[in-house]
C-alpha atoms as a PDB file:
ATOM      1  CA  UNK A   1      23.325 -97.571  12.619  1.00  0.00           C
ATOM      2  CA  UNK A   2      26.831 -98.865  12.382  1.00  0.00           C
ATOM      3  CA  UNK A   3      27.898 -95.831  10.344  1.00  0.00           C
ATOM      4  CA  UNK A   4      26.461 -93.433  12.922  1.00  0.00           C
ATOM      5  CA  UNK A   5      28.333 -95.139  15.743  1.00  0.00           C
ATOM      6  CA  UNK A   6      31.484 -95.075  13.675  1.00  0.00           C
ATOM      7  CA  UNK A   7      31.032 -91.312  12.948  1.00  0.00           C
ATOM      8  CA  UNK A   8      30.465 -90.529  16.644  1.00  0.00           C
ATOM      9  CA  UNK A   9      33.541 -92.576  17.539  1.00  0.00           C
ATOM     10  CA  UNK A  10      35.637 -90.510  15.078  1.00  0.00           C
ATOM     11  CA  UNK A  11      34.318 -87.258  16.578  1.00  0.00           C
ATOM     12  CA  UNK A  12      35.570 -88.246  19.963  1.00  0.00           C
ATOM     13  CA  UNK A  13      38.808 -89.755  18.713  1.00  0.00           C
ATOM     14  CA  UNK A  14      41.565 -87.846  20.532  1.00  0.00           C
ATOM     15  CA  UNK A  15      43.929 -85.644  18.554  1.00  0.00           C
ATOM     16  CA  UNK A  16      47.321 -84.841  20.040  1.00  0.00           C
ATOM     17  CA  UNK A  17      48.566 -81.281  19.899  1.00  0.00           C
ATOM     18  CA  UNK A  18      52.294 -81.027  20.518  1.00  0.00           C
ATOM     19  CA  UNK A  19      53.881 -77.770  21.741  1.00  0.00           C
ATOM     20  CA  UNK A  20      57.682 -77.379  21.878  1.00  0.00           C
ATOM     21  CA  UNK A  21      58.880 -74.445  24.036  1.00  0.00           C
ATOM     22  CA  UNK A  22      62.058 -72.681  22.788  1.00  0.00           C
ATOM     23  CA  UNK A  23      63.694 -72.695  26.219  1.00  0.00           C
ATOM     24  CA  UNK A  24      63.107 -76.392  26.920  1.00  0.00           C
ATOM     25  CA  UNK A  25      63.719 -79.704  25.179  1.00  0.00           C
ATOM     26  CA  UNK A  26      60.665 -81.195  26.831  1.00  0.00           C
ATOM     27  CA  UNK A  27      57.560 -81.219  24.694  1.00  0.00           C
ATOM     28  CA  UNK A  28      53.994 -80.604  25.862  1.00  0.00           C
ATOM     29  CA  UNK A  29      51.332 -82.915  24.526  1.00  0.00           C
ATOM     30  CA  UNK A  30      47.640 -82.065  24.739  1.00  0.00           C
ATOM     31  CA  UNK A  31      44.979 -84.528  23.707  1.00  0.00           C
ATOM     32  CA  UNK A  32      41.760 -82.937  22.456  1.00  0.00           C
ATOM     33  CA  UNK A  33      38.787 -84.753  20.937  1.00  0.00           C
ATOM     34  CA  UNK A  34      38.296 -84.025  17.259  1.00  0.00           C
ATOM     35  CA  UNK A  35      34.882 -82.564  17.969  1.00  0.00           C
ATOM     36  CA  UNK A  36      36.525 -80.051  20.387  1.00  0.00           C
ATOM     37  CA  UNK A  37      38.735 -78.681  17.605  1.00  0.00           C
ATOM     38  CA  UNK A  38      35.728 -78.370  15.278  1.00  0.00           C
ATOM     39  CA  UNK A  39      33.700 -76.580  17.966  1.00  0.00           C
ATOM     40  CA  UNK A  40      36.633 -74.286  18.788  1.00  0.00           C
ATOM     41  CA  UNK A  41      37.069 -73.294  15.147  1.00  0.00           C
ATOM     42  CA  UNK A  42      33.313 -72.741  14.810  1.00  0.00           C
ATOM     43  CA  UNK A  43      33.173 -70.582  17.941  1.00  0.00           C
ATOM     44  CA  UNK A  44      36.197 -68.604  16.741  1.00  0.00           C
ATOM     45  CA  UNK A  45      34.494 -67.908  13.418  1.00  0.00           C
ATOM     46  CA  UNK A  46      31.217 -66.937  15.119  1.00  0.00           C
ATOM     47  CA  UNK A  47      33.077 -64.676  17.569  1.00  0.00           C
ATOM     48  CA  UNK A  48      35.062 -62.995  14.784  1.00  0.00           C
ATOM     49  CA  UNK A  49      31.896 -62.334  12.747  1.00  0.00           C
ATOM     50  CA  UNK A  50      30.133 -60.960  15.824  1.00  0.00           C
ATOM     51  CA  UNK A  51      33.022 -58.592  16.674  1.00  0.00           C
ATOM     52  CA  UNK A  52      33.228 -57.348  13.072  1.00  0.00           C
ATOM     53  CA  UNK A  53      29.447 -56.832  13.007  1.00  0.00           C
ATOM     54  CA  UNK A  54      29.543 -54.860  16.282  1.00  0.00           C
ATOM     55  CA  UNK A  55      32.399 -52.716  14.956  1.00  0.00           C
ATOM     56  CA  UNK A  56      30.515 -51.947  11.722  1.00  0.00           C
ATOM     57  CA  UNK A  57      27.337 -51.093  13.662  1.00  0.00           C
ATOM     58  CA  UNK A  58      29.304 -48.814  15.974  1.00  0.00           C
ATOM     59  CA  UNK A  59      30.823 -46.939  13.038  1.00  0.00           C
ATOM     60  CA  UNK A  60      27.373 -46.572  11.453  1.00  0.00           C
ATOM     61  CA  UNK A  61      25.893 -45.442  14.777  1.00  0.00           C
ATOM     62  CA  UNK A  62      28.453 -42.689  15.338  1.00  0.00           C
ATOM     63  CA  UNK A  63      28.207 -41.602  11.711  1.00  0.00           C
ATOM     64  CA  UNK A  64      24.433 -41.400  11.991  1.00  0.00           C
ATOM     65  CA  UNK A  65      24.714 -39.560  15.306  1.00  0.00           C
ATOM     66  CA  UNK A  66      27.040 -36.956  13.788  1.00  0.00           C
ATOM     67  CA  UNK A  67      24.728 -36.471  10.810  1.00  0.00           C
ATOM     68  CA  UNK A  68      21.730 -36.133  13.107  1.00  0.00           C
ATOM     69  CA  UNK A  69      23.527 -33.505  15.180  1.00  0.00           C
ATOM     70  CA  UNK A  70      24.522 -31.627  12.008  1.00  0.00           C
ATOM     71  CA  UNK A  71      21.010 -31.572  10.549  1.00  0.00           C
ATOM     72  CA  UNK A  72      19.484 -30.713  13.917  1.00  0.00           C
ATOM     73  CA  UNK A  73      21.774 -27.676  14.115  1.00  0.00           C
ATOM     74  CA  UNK A  74      20.939 -26.758  10.508  1.00  0.00           C
ATOM     75  CA  UNK A  75      17.179 -26.914  11.068  1.00  0.00           C
ATOM     76  CA  UNK A  76      17.478 -25.023  14.337  1.00  0.00           C
ATOM     77  CA  UNK A  77      19.337 -22.291  12.466  1.00  0.00           C
ATOM     78  CA  UNK A  78      16.712 -22.343   9.713  1.00  0.00           C
ATOM     79  CA  UNK A  79      13.938 -22.004  12.274  1.00  0.00           C
ATOM     80  CA  UNK A  80      15.772 -19.030  13.829  1.00  0.00           C
ATOM     81  CA  UNK A  81      16.178 -17.477  10.385  1.00  0.00           C
ATOM     82  CA  UNK A  82      12.483 -17.826   9.561  1.00  0.00           C
ATOM     83  CA  UNK A  83      11.519 -16.423  12.972  1.00  0.00           C
ATOM     84  CA  UNK A  84      13.771 -13.392  12.464  1.00  0.00           C
ATOM     85  CA  UNK A  85      12.403 -12.742   8.987  1.00  0.00           C
ATOM     86  CA  UNK A  86       8.823 -13.048  10.257  1.00  0.00           C
ATOM     87  CA  UNK A  87       9.560 -10.437  12.934  1.00  0.00           C
ATOM     88  CA  UNK A  88      11.064  -8.115  10.332  1.00  0.00           C
ATOM     89  CA  UNK A  89       8.063  -8.631   8.046  1.00  0.00           C
ATOM     90  CA  UNK A  90       5.657  -7.912  10.906  1.00  0.00           C
ATOM     91  CA  UNK A  91       7.566  -4.719  11.735  1.00  0.00           C
ATOM     92  CA  UNK A  92       7.392  -3.503   8.136  1.00  0.00           C
ATOM     93  CA  UNK A  93       3.648  -4.258   8.004  1.00  0.00           C
ATOM     94  CA  UNK A  94       3.200  -2.298  11.232  1.00  0.00           C
ATOM     95  CA  UNK A  95       5.046   0.666   9.724  1.00  0.00           C
ATOM     96  CA  UNK A  96       2.989   0.615   6.535  1.00  0.00           C
ATOM     97  CA  UNK A  97      -0.219   0.685   8.597  1.00  0.00           C
ATOM     98  CA  UNK A  98       0.602   4.249   9.699  1.00  0.00           C
ATOM     99  CA  UNK A  99      -0.184   5.517   6.211  1.00  0.00           C
ATOM    100  CA  UNK A 100       1.809   8.731   5.966  1.00  0.00           C
ATOM    101  CA  UNK A 101       5.558   8.941   5.318  1.00  0.00           C
ATOM    102  CA  UNK A 102       6.159  11.041   8.430  1.00  0.00           C
ATOM    103  CA  UNK A 103       4.324   8.643  10.742  1.00  0.00           C
ATOM    104  CA  UNK A 104       6.203   5.697   9.243  1.00  0.00           C
ATOM    105  CA  UNK A 105       9.572   7.389   9.785  1.00  0.00           C
ATOM    106  CA  UNK A 106       8.676   8.487  13.312  1.00  0.00           C
ATOM    107  CA  UNK A 107       7.815   4.911  14.269  1.00  0.00           C
ATOM    108  CA  UNK A 108      10.680   3.088  12.554  1.00  0.00           C
ATOM    109  CA  UNK A 109      12.332   0.666  14.936  1.00  0.00           C
ATOM    110  CA  UNK A 110      15.919   0.556  13.652  1.00  0.00           C
ATOM    111  CA  UNK A 111      16.812  -2.151  16.168  1.00  0.00           C
ATOM    112  CA  UNK A 112      15.482  -4.938  14.009  1.00  0.00           C
ATOM    113  CA  UNK A 113      18.128  -7.582  14.396  1.00  0.00           C
ATOM    114  CA  UNK A 114      18.906  -8.768  10.912  1.00  0.00           C
ATOM    115  CA  UNK A 115      22.464  -9.694  11.823  1.00  0.00           C
ATOM    116  CA  UNK A 116      21.200 -12.872  13.531  1.00  0.00           C
ATOM    117  CA  UNK A 117      19.136 -14.057  10.564  1.00  0.00           C
ATOM    118  CA  UNK A 118      21.711 -16.785   9.926  1.00  0.00           C
ATOM    119  CA  UNK A 119      22.107 -19.056   6.911  1.00  0.00           C
ATOM    120  CA  UNK A 120      21.361 -22.660   6.055  1.00  0.00           C
ATOM    121  CA  UNK A 121      23.780 -25.065   4.420  1.00  0.00           C
ATOM    122  CA  UNK A 122      21.415 -26.286   1.706  1.00  0.00           C
ATOM    123  CA  UNK A 123      22.227 -24.661  -1.608  1.00  0.00           C
ATOM    124  CA  UNK A 124      18.800 -23.651  -2.896  1.00  0.00           C
ATOM    125  CA  UNK A 125      17.315 -22.794   0.475  1.00  0.00           C
ATOM    126  CA  UNK A 126      20.496 -21.040   1.563  1.00  0.00           C
ATOM    127  CA  UNK A 127      20.492 -18.907  -1.586  1.00  0.00           C
ATOM    128  CA  UNK A 128      16.851 -17.888  -1.139  1.00  0.00           C
ATOM    129  CA  UNK A 129      17.228 -17.064   2.528  1.00  0.00           C
ATOM    130  CA  UNK A 130      20.435 -15.135   1.866  1.00  0.00           C
ATOM    131  CA  UNK A 131      18.680 -12.993  -0.730  1.00  0.00           C
ATOM    132  CA  UNK A 132      15.707 -12.430   1.580  1.00  0.00           C
ATOM    133  CA  UNK A 133      17.967 -11.427   4.464  1.00  0.00           C
ATOM    134  CA  UNK A 134      19.864  -9.036   2.185  1.00  0.00           C
ATOM    135  CA  UNK A 135      16.576  -7.424   1.162  1.00  0.00           C
ATOM    136  CA  UNK A 136      15.500  -7.057   4.785  1.00  0.00           C
ATOM    137  CA  UNK A 137      18.882  -5.544   5.702  1.00  0.00           C
ATOM    138  CA  UNK A 138      18.646  -3.151   2.753  1.00  0.00           C
ATOM    139  CA  UNK A 139      15.121  -2.081   3.645  1.00  0.00           C
ATOM    140  CA  UNK A 140      16.043  -1.656   7.297  1.00  0.00           C
ATOM    141  CA  UNK A 141      19.141   0.396   6.418  1.00  0.00           C
ATOM    142  CA  UNK A 142      17.093   2.558   4.061  1.00  0.00           C
ATOM    143  CA  UNK A 143      14.417   3.165   6.700  1.00  0.00           C
ATOM    144  CA  UNK A 144      17.077   3.962   9.310  1.00  0.00           C
ATOM    145  CA  UNK A 145      18.674   6.508   6.991  1.00  0.00           C
ATOM    146  CA  UNK A 146      15.326   8.013   5.995  1.00  0.00           C
ATOM    147  CA  UNK A 147      14.313   8.256   9.649  1.00  0.00           C
ATOM    148  CA  UNK A 148      17.537  10.062  10.537  1.00  0.00           C
ATOM    149  CA  UNK A 149      17.059  12.475   7.623  1.00  0.00           C
ATOM    150  CA  UNK A 150      13.451  13.068   8.630  1.00  0.00           C
ATOM    151  CA  UNK A 151      14.349  13.771  12.248  1.00  0.00           C
ATOM    152  CA  UNK A 152      17.098  16.168  11.100  1.00  0.00           C
ATOM    153  CA  UNK A 153      14.784  18.086   8.744  1.00  0.00           C
ATOM    154  CA  UNK A 154      13.081  21.159  10.284  1.00  0.00           C
ATOM    155  CA  UNK A 155       9.307  20.650  10.385  1.00  0.00           C
ATOM    156  CA  UNK A 156       6.529  23.010  11.499  1.00  0.00           C
ATOM    157  CA  UNK A 157       6.419  26.207  13.526  1.00  0.00           C
ATOM    158  CA  UNK A 158       9.065  27.015  16.154  1.00  0.00           C
ATOM    159  CA  UNK A 159       6.588  29.276  17.962  1.00  0.00           C
ATOM    160  CA  UNK A 160       2.921  30.246  17.937  1.00  0.00           C
ATOM    161  CA  UNK A 161       2.492  33.687  16.386  1.00  0.00           C
ATOM    162  CA  UNK A 162       1.949  35.826  13.296  1.00  0.00           C
ATOM    163  CA  UNK A 163       4.454  36.222  10.464  1.00  0.00           C
ATOM    164  CA  UNK A 164       5.409  39.894  10.159  1.00  0.00           C
ATOM    165  CA  UNK A 165       8.338  39.530   7.776  1.00  0.00           C
ATOM    166  CA  UNK A 166       8.995  36.720   5.312  1.00  0.00           C
ATOM    167  CA  UNK A 167      12.184  35.325   3.811  1.00  0.00           C
ATOM    168  CA  UNK A 168      13.732  37.329   0.957  1.00  0.00           C
ATOM    169  CA  UNK A 169      14.002  40.964  -0.046  1.00  0.00           C
ATOM    170  CA  UNK A 170      12.243  43.472   2.224  1.00  0.00           C
ATOM    171  CA  UNK A 171      12.426  47.016   3.571  1.00  0.00           C
ATOM    172  CA  UNK A 172      14.783  47.238   6.539  1.00  0.00           C
ATOM    173  CA  UNK A 173      12.575  48.034   9.608  1.00  0.00           C
ATOM    174  CA  UNK A 174      15.392  49.888  11.393  1.00  0.00           C
ATOM    175  CA  UNK A 175      17.319  51.743   8.741  1.00  0.00           C
ATOM    176  CA  UNK A 176      14.987  51.742   5.737  1.00  0.00           C
ATOM    177  CA  UNK A 177      16.022  50.730   2.244  1.00  0.00           C
ATOM    178  CA  UNK A 178      15.939  47.252   0.741  1.00  0.00           C
ATOM    179  CA  UNK A 179      17.849  44.383   2.278  1.00  0.00           C
ATOM    180  CA  UNK A 180      17.815  40.603   2.197  1.00  0.00           C
ATOM    181  CA  UNK A 181      16.015  38.935   5.101  1.00  0.00           C
ATOM    182  CA  UNK A 182      17.577  35.528   5.680  1.00  0.00           C
ATOM    183  CA  UNK A 183      14.801  34.212   7.899  1.00  0.00           C
ATOM    184  CA  UNK A 184      11.240  34.677   9.050  1.00  0.00           C
ATOM    185  CA  UNK A 185       9.990  37.021  11.792  1.00  0.00           C
ATOM    186  CA  UNK A 186       7.110  35.698  13.891  1.00  0.00           C
ATOM    187  CA  UNK A 187       5.470  38.204  16.241  1.00  0.00           C
ATOM    188  CA  UNK A 188       4.265  36.801  19.552  1.00  0.00           C
ATOM    189  CA  UNK A 189       3.767  37.649  23.221  1.00  0.00           C
ATOM    190  CA  UNK A 190       6.928  37.883  25.379  1.00  0.00           C
ATOM    191  CA  UNK A 191       7.730  34.674  27.222  1.00  0.00           C
ATOM    192  CA  UNK A 192       6.158  32.345  24.643  1.00  0.00           C
ATOM    193  CA  UNK A 193       7.791  28.913  24.331  1.00  0.00           C
ATOM    194  CA  UNK A 194      10.316  28.631  21.510  1.00  0.00           C
ATOM    195  CA  UNK A 195      10.672  25.027  20.327  1.00  0.00           C
ATOM    196  CA  UNK A 196      13.235  23.349  18.116  1.00  0.00           C
ATOM    197  CA  UNK A 197      11.850  22.081  14.823  1.00  0.00           C
ATOM    198  CA  UNK A 198      14.184  19.070  14.453  1.00  0.00           C
ATOM    199  CA  UNK A 199      16.449  16.782  16.459  1.00  0.00           C
ATOM    200  CA  UNK A 200      20.009  18.006  16.868  1.00  0.00           C
ATOM    201  CA  UNK A 201      22.792  19.368  19.059  1.00  0.00           C
ATOM    202  CA  UNK A 202      23.000  22.932  20.357  1.00  0.00           C
ATOM    203  CA  UNK A 203      26.087  24.577  18.852  1.00  0.00           C
ATOM    204  CA  UNK A 204      25.478  28.049  20.332  1.00  0.00           C
ATOM    205  CA  UNK A 205      23.340  29.340  23.184  1.00  0.00           C
ATOM    206  CA  UNK A 206      23.967  32.835  24.505  1.00  0.00           C
ATOM    207  CA  UNK A 207      24.277  36.502  23.633  1.00  0.00           C
ATOM    208  CA  UNK A 208      24.938  37.726  20.096  1.00  0.00           C
ATOM    209  CA  UNK A 209      24.911  41.514  19.629  1.00  0.00           C
ATOM    210  CA  UNK A 210      22.471  41.859  16.742  1.00  0.00           C
ATOM    211  CA  UNK A 211      20.484  38.711  17.472  1.00  0.00           C
ATOM    212  CA  UNK A 212      20.209  39.155  21.254  1.00  0.00           C
ATOM    213  CA  UNK A 213      19.758  35.856  23.056  1.00  0.00           C
ATOM    214  CA  UNK A 214      20.417  33.377  20.270  1.00  0.00           C
ATOM    215  CA  UNK A 215      20.192  29.585  19.955  1.00  0.00           C
ATOM    216  CA  UNK A 216      21.775  27.721  17.024  1.00  0.00           C
ATOM    217  CA  UNK A 217      21.162  23.999  16.524  1.00  0.00           C
ATOM    218  CA  UNK A 218      23.006  21.638  14.189  1.00  0.00           C
ATOM    219  CA  UNK A 219      20.781  18.839  12.917  1.00  0.00           C
ATOM    220  CA  UNK A 220      23.046  16.942  10.566  1.00  0.00           C
ATOM    221  CA  UNK A 221      22.571  16.194   6.862  1.00  0.00           C
ATOM    222  CA  UNK A 222      23.452  19.852   6.187  1.00  0.00           C
ATOM    223  CA  UNK A 223      20.632  21.394   8.269  1.00  0.00           C
ATOM    224  CA  UNK A 224      21.001  24.154  10.903  1.00  0.00           C
ATOM    225  CA  UNK A 225      18.363  26.371  12.555  1.00  0.00           C
ATOM    226  CA  UNK A 226      18.677  29.800  14.243  1.00  0.00           C
ATOM    227  CA  UNK A 227      16.351  31.252  16.911  1.00  0.00           C
ATOM    228  CA  UNK A 228      17.036  34.933  17.722  1.00  0.00           C
ATOM    229  CA  UNK A 229      15.826  37.847  19.922  1.00  0.00           C
ATOM    230  CA  UNK A 230      14.759  35.574  22.818  1.00  0.00           C
ATOM    231  CA  UNK A 231      14.254  36.950  26.311  1.00  0.00           C
ATOM    232  CA  UNK A 232      16.203  33.938  27.637  1.00  0.00           C
ATOM    233  CA  UNK A 233      17.546  30.567  26.553  1.00  0.00           C
ATOM    234  CA  UNK A 234      17.151  27.280  28.425  1.00  0.00           C
ATOM    235  CA  UNK A 235      19.642  25.009  26.639  1.00  0.00           C
ATOM    236  CA  UNK A 236      23.419  24.698  26.796  1.00  0.00           C
ATOM    237  CA  UNK A 237      25.996  24.253  24.074  1.00  0.00           C
ATOM    238  CA  UNK A 238      26.565  20.576  23.317  1.00  0.00           C
ATOM    239  CA  UNK A 239      23.115  19.598  24.599  1.00  0.00           C
ATOM    240  CA  UNK A 240      21.082  17.124  22.547  1.00  0.00           C
ATOM    241  CA  UNK A 241      17.526  18.197  21.750  1.00  0.00           C
ATOM    242  CA  UNK A 242      14.558  16.588  20.047  1.00  0.00           C
ATOM    243  CA  UNK A 243      11.913  18.141  17.836  1.00  0.00           C
ATOM    244  CA  UNK A 244       9.410  19.981  20.037  1.00  0.00           C
ATOM    245  CA  UNK A 245      11.767  20.585  22.981  1.00  0.00           C
ATOM    246  CA  UNK A 246      11.594  24.061  24.544  1.00  0.00           C
ATOM    247  CA  UNK A 247      14.914  25.826  23.923  1.00  0.00           C
ATOM    248  CA  UNK A 248      14.090  29.491  24.772  1.00  0.00           C
ATOM    249  CA  UNK A 249      11.402  32.070  25.593  1.00  0.00           C
ATOM    250  CA  UNK A 250      10.469  34.828  23.146  1.00  0.00           C
ATOM    251  CA  UNK A 251      11.454  38.432  23.722  1.00  0.00           C
ATOM    252  CA  UNK A 252      12.843  41.527  22.018  1.00  0.00           C
ATOM    253  CA  UNK A 253      16.583  41.437  22.633  1.00  0.00           C
ATOM    254  CA  UNK A 254      19.327  42.598  20.273  1.00  0.00           C
ATOM    255  CA  UNK A 255      18.370  44.629  17.195  1.00  0.00           C
ATOM    256  CA  UNK A 256      14.616  44.123  17.554  1.00  0.00           C
ATOM    257  CA  UNK A 257      11.640  46.470  17.104  1.00  0.00           C
ATOM    258  CA  UNK A 258       9.246  44.401  19.217  1.00  0.00           C
ATOM    259  CA  UNK A 259       8.606  40.954  20.733  1.00  0.00           C
ATOM    260  CA  UNK A 260       9.136  38.349  18.052  1.00  0.00           C
ATOM    261  CA  UNK A 261      11.212  35.345  17.050  1.00  0.00           C
ATOM    262  CA  UNK A 262      13.616  35.579  14.129  1.00  0.00           C
ATOM    263  CA  UNK A 263      13.789  32.040  12.740  1.00  0.00           C
ATOM    264  CA  UNK A 264      16.268  30.838  10.110  1.00  0.00           C
ATOM    265  CA  UNK A 265      16.829  27.493   8.374  1.00  0.00           C
ATOM    266  CA  UNK A 266      20.198  26.815   6.724  1.00  0.00           C
ATOM    267  CA  UNK A 267      20.968  23.975   4.333  1.00  0.00           C
ATOM    268  CA  UNK A 268      24.546  23.191   3.313  1.00  0.00           C
ATOM    269  CA  UNK A 269      25.829  26.563   4.529  1.00  0.00           C
ATOM    270  CA  UNK A 270      23.154  28.725   2.885  1.00  0.00           C
ATOM    271  CA  UNK A 271      19.871  30.180   4.258  1.00  0.00           C
ATOM    272  CA  UNK A 272      16.678  28.765   2.747  1.00  0.00           C
ATOM    273  CA  UNK A 273      13.061  29.826   3.094  1.00  0.00           C
ATOM    274  CA  UNK A 274      11.652  28.441   6.376  1.00  0.00           C
ATOM    275  CA  UNK A 275       8.126  28.652   4.988  1.00  0.00           C
ATOM    276  CA  UNK A 276       8.639  25.571   2.802  1.00  0.00           C
ATOM    277  CA  UNK A 277       9.243  23.482   5.927  1.00  0.00           C
ATOM    278  CA  UNK A 278       6.195  24.964   7.645  1.00  0.00           C
ATOM    279  CA  UNK A 279       4.056  24.308   4.552  1.00  0.00           C
ATOM    280  CA  UNK A 280       5.348  20.735   4.480  1.00  0.00           C
ATOM    281  CA  UNK A 281       4.040  20.278   8.021  1.00  0.00           C
ATOM    282  CA  UNK A 282       0.636  21.647   6.943  1.00  0.00           C
ATOM    283  CA  UNK A 283       0.474  19.151   4.075  1.00  0.00           C
ATOM    284  CA  UNK A 284       1.245  16.326   6.468  1.00  0.00           C
ATOM    285  CA  UNK A 285      -1.587  17.470   8.756  1.00  0.00           C
ATOM    286  CA  UNK A 286      -4.020  17.491   5.807  1.00  0.00           C
ATOM    287  CA  UNK A 287      -2.983  13.947   4.840  1.00  0.00           C
ATOM    288  CA  UNK A 288      -3.748  12.745   8.340  1.00  0.00           C
END
């Protein structure tokens, strides 16, 4: 008991703290119980540890927040990538359901947005998605090109009628003798609709001495078509036309022996047999 009282007495024994200001010779004495100094030191240590702990937690919190934001953005981008690829896959499945090449090309939607497919910053996944996106882009580019070629290729009959003179060597109906016929003559009633057989731009529409009222259409990819001896034309030079559009009405103008359409197909600057393009259309119809 005596020792406890003695210990308590020591705790409360005053300790003098002397402070000497530089601008004064007078000293300042402060008496503080010993226990006060111990408590002050303890509180200082506790406060320092607390502040350090809060600082460390804050650094960890902001680091974790930044990482969370980064991975959230990455997974959002991944989700967008997967969504885009699923749309592209669905579009390709829709195209394949049409069965025939011509129907597939006619229904190609070349506006599939593969540019927004994105990428993910995870090596393996990023590599796989990148390769998948490249394949989708390649397929889409191929389909776009094939569609453009298909739309530029003459297909089917330009008019309803009967073939009276085929492509190749024949006897000249006006002057006799053998000559080369660079197109196909299709006899029909005057005023019958003449339709373009492929998408393109009208490069000539008007009067040409031997051909009468003539329409020439440039289709691209080396293709051109000629429609001659019409009673009238209904398109202008520079006008865009699509396969099946009415461009003229049949007649017997120019060097003609009766109502008919003289139809020519040119490829890379040379006339080719139009019948092959008409037969191609028949084969497509049979497939359907």
